[in-house]
């Protein structure tokens, strides 16, 4: 390494640090928007459970099927 290259090292590190900071800020903003649109994991699991119950004939008040079953 020559003496003319030494002053550029801190500038390169500063540039890389700023670039990483910008990427992290972008990721955080994306995660915020995703959370606001979809909710957290509890909300997603609750919605999935409710959708499954709706598709499989369970009522909202209990866990018994809404369609009667007959035993032969």
C-alpha atoms as a PDB file:
ATOM      1  CA  UNK A   1       0.000   0.000   0.000  1.00  0.00           C
ATOM      2  CA  UNK A   2       1.373   3.362  -0.918  1.00  0.00           C
ATOM      3  CA  UNK A   3       1.017   6.537   1.088  1.00  0.00           C
ATOM      4  CA  UNK A   4      -1.343   7.993  -1.513  1.00  0.00           C
ATOM      5  CA  UNK A   5      -3.871   5.176  -0.828  1.00  0.00           C
ATOM      6  CA  UNK A   6      -3.990   5.640   2.947  1.00  0.00           C
ATOM      7  CA  UNK A   7      -6.364   8.670   3.039  1.00  0.00           C
ATOM      8  CA  UNK A   8      -8.983   6.771   0.998  1.00  0.00           C
ATOM      9  CA  UNK A   9      -9.363   3.927   3.499  1.00  0.00           C
ATOM     10  CA  UNK A  10     -11.389   5.937   6.056  1.00  0.00           C
ATOM     11  CA  UNK A  11     -13.539   7.360   3.265  1.00  0.00           C
ATOM     12  CA  UNK A  12     -14.227   3.874   1.912  1.00  0.00           C
ATOM     13  CA  UNK A  13     -15.163   2.593   5.373  1.00  0.00           C
ATOM     14  CA  UNK A  14     -17.399   5.609   5.935  1.00  0.00           C
ATOM     15  CA  UNK A  15     -19.108   5.014   2.580  1.00  0.00           C
ATOM     16  CA  UNK A  16     -19.650   1.335   3.364  1.00  0.00           C
ATOM     17  CA  UNK A  17     -20.981   2.186   6.830  1.00  0.00           C
ATOM     18  CA  UNK A  18     -23.429   4.714   5.386  1.00  0.00           C
ATOM     19  CA  UNK A  19     -24.489   2.219   2.719  1.00  0.00           C
ATOM     20  CA  UNK A  20     -25.167  -0.433   5.380  1.00  0.00           C
ATOM     21  CA  UNK A  21     -27.058   2.107   7.490  1.00  0.00           C
ATOM     22  CA  UNK A  22     -29.253   2.967   4.513  1.00  0.00           C
ATOM     23  CA  UNK A  23     -29.955  -0.723   3.863  1.00  0.00           C
ATOM     24  CA  UNK A  24     -30.865  -1.325   7.509  1.00  0.00           C
ATOM     25  CA  UNK A  25     -33.156   1.713   7.588  1.00  0.00           C
ATOM     26  CA  UNK A  26     -34.863   0.468   4.423  1.00  0.00           C
ATOM     27  CA  UNK A  27     -35.317  -2.995   5.937  1.00  0.00           C
ATOM     28  CA  UNK A  28     -36.797  -1.545   9.126  1.00  0.00           C
ATOM     29  CA  UNK A  29     -39.234   0.585   7.130  1.00  0.00           C
ATOM     30  CA  UNK A  30     -40.271  -2.448   5.054  1.00  0.00           C
ATOM     31  CA  UNK A  31     -40.805  -4.496   8.225  1.00  0.00           C
ATOM     32  CA  UNK A  32     -42.933  -1.720   9.722  1.00  0.00           C
ATOM     33  CA  UNK A  33     -45.150  -1.582   6.653  1.00  0.00           C
ATOM     34  CA  UNK A  34     -45.428  -5.372   6.518  1.00  0.00           C
ATOM     35  CA  UNK A  35     -46.414  -5.482  10.194  1.00  0.00           C
ATOM     36  CA  UNK A  36     -49.029  -2.758   9.726  1.00  0.00           C
ATOM     37  CA  UNK A  37     -50.531  -4.547   6.720  1.00  0.00           C
ATOM     38  CA  UNK A  38     -50.468  -8.129   8.001  1.00  0.00           C
ATOM     39  CA  UNK A  39     -50.260  -7.732  11.772  1.00  0.00           C
ATOM     40  CA  UNK A  40     -48.013  -9.713  14.068  1.00  0.00           C
ATOM     41  CA  UNK A  41     -47.700 -13.472  14.303  1.00  0.00           C
ATOM     42  CA  UNK A  42     -50.544 -13.711  16.847  1.00  0.00           C
ATOM     43  CA  UNK A  43     -52.912 -11.860  14.541  1.00  0.00           C
ATOM     44  CA  UNK A  44     -51.890 -14.002  11.572  1.00  0.00           C
ATOM     45  CA  UNK A  45     -52.360 -17.249  13.505  1.00  0.00           C
ATOM     46  CA  UNK A  46     -55.742 -16.076  14.822  1.00  0.00           C
ATOM     47  CA  UNK A  47     -56.861 -15.221  11.292  1.00  0.00           C
ATOM     48  CA  UNK A  48     -55.637 -18.573   9.944  1.00  0.00           C
ATOM     49  CA  UNK A  49     -57.505 -20.439  12.688  1.00  0.00           C
ATOM     50  CA  UNK A  50     -60.701 -18.492  12.047  1.00  0.00           C
ATOM     51  CA  UNK A  51     -60.429 -19.078   8.288  1.00  0.00           C
ATOM     52  CA  UNK A  52     -59.955 -22.824   8.849  1.00  0.00           C
ATOM     53  CA  UNK A  53     -62.940 -22.954  11.189  1.00  0.00           C
ATOM     54  CA  UNK A  54     -65.083 -21.057   8.671  1.00  0.00           C
ATOM     55  CA  UNK A  55     -64.068 -23.390   5.817  1.00  0.00           C
ATOM     56  CA  UNK A  56     -64.687 -26.519   7.883  1.00  0.00           C
ATOM     57  CA  UNK A  57     -68.113 -25.591   9.228  1.00  0.00           C
ATOM     58  CA  UNK A  58     -67.315 -24.541  12.777  1.00  0.00           C
ATOM     59  CA  UNK A  59     -69.406 -21.806  14.373  1.00  0.00           C
ATOM     60  CA  UNK A  60     -67.950 -18.675  15.932  1.00  0.00           C
ATOM     61  CA  UNK A  61     -69.219 -19.439  19.423  1.00  0.00           C
ATOM     62  CA  UNK A  62     -67.840 -22.918  20.025  1.00  0.00           C
ATOM     63  CA  UNK A  63     -65.708 -25.646  18.535  1.00  0.00           C
ATOM     64  CA  UNK A  64     -68.483 -28.042  17.545  1.00  0.00           C
ATOM     65  CA  UNK A  65     -69.388 -28.445  13.867  1.00  0.00           C
ATOM     66  CA  UNK A  66     -72.451 -26.449  12.785  1.00  0.00           C
ATOM     67  CA  UNK A  67     -73.717 -29.211  10.510  1.00  0.00           C
ATOM     68  CA  UNK A  68     -75.381 -32.079  12.347  1.00  0.00           C
ATOM     69  CA  UNK A  69     -73.799 -35.493  12.038  1.00  0.00           C
ATOM     70  CA  UNK A  70     -75.838 -38.667  12.048  1.00  0.00           C
ATOM     71  CA  UNK A  71     -74.627 -41.927  13.455  1.00  0.00           C
ATOM     72  CA  UNK A  72     -75.785 -45.025  11.589  1.00  0.00           C
END
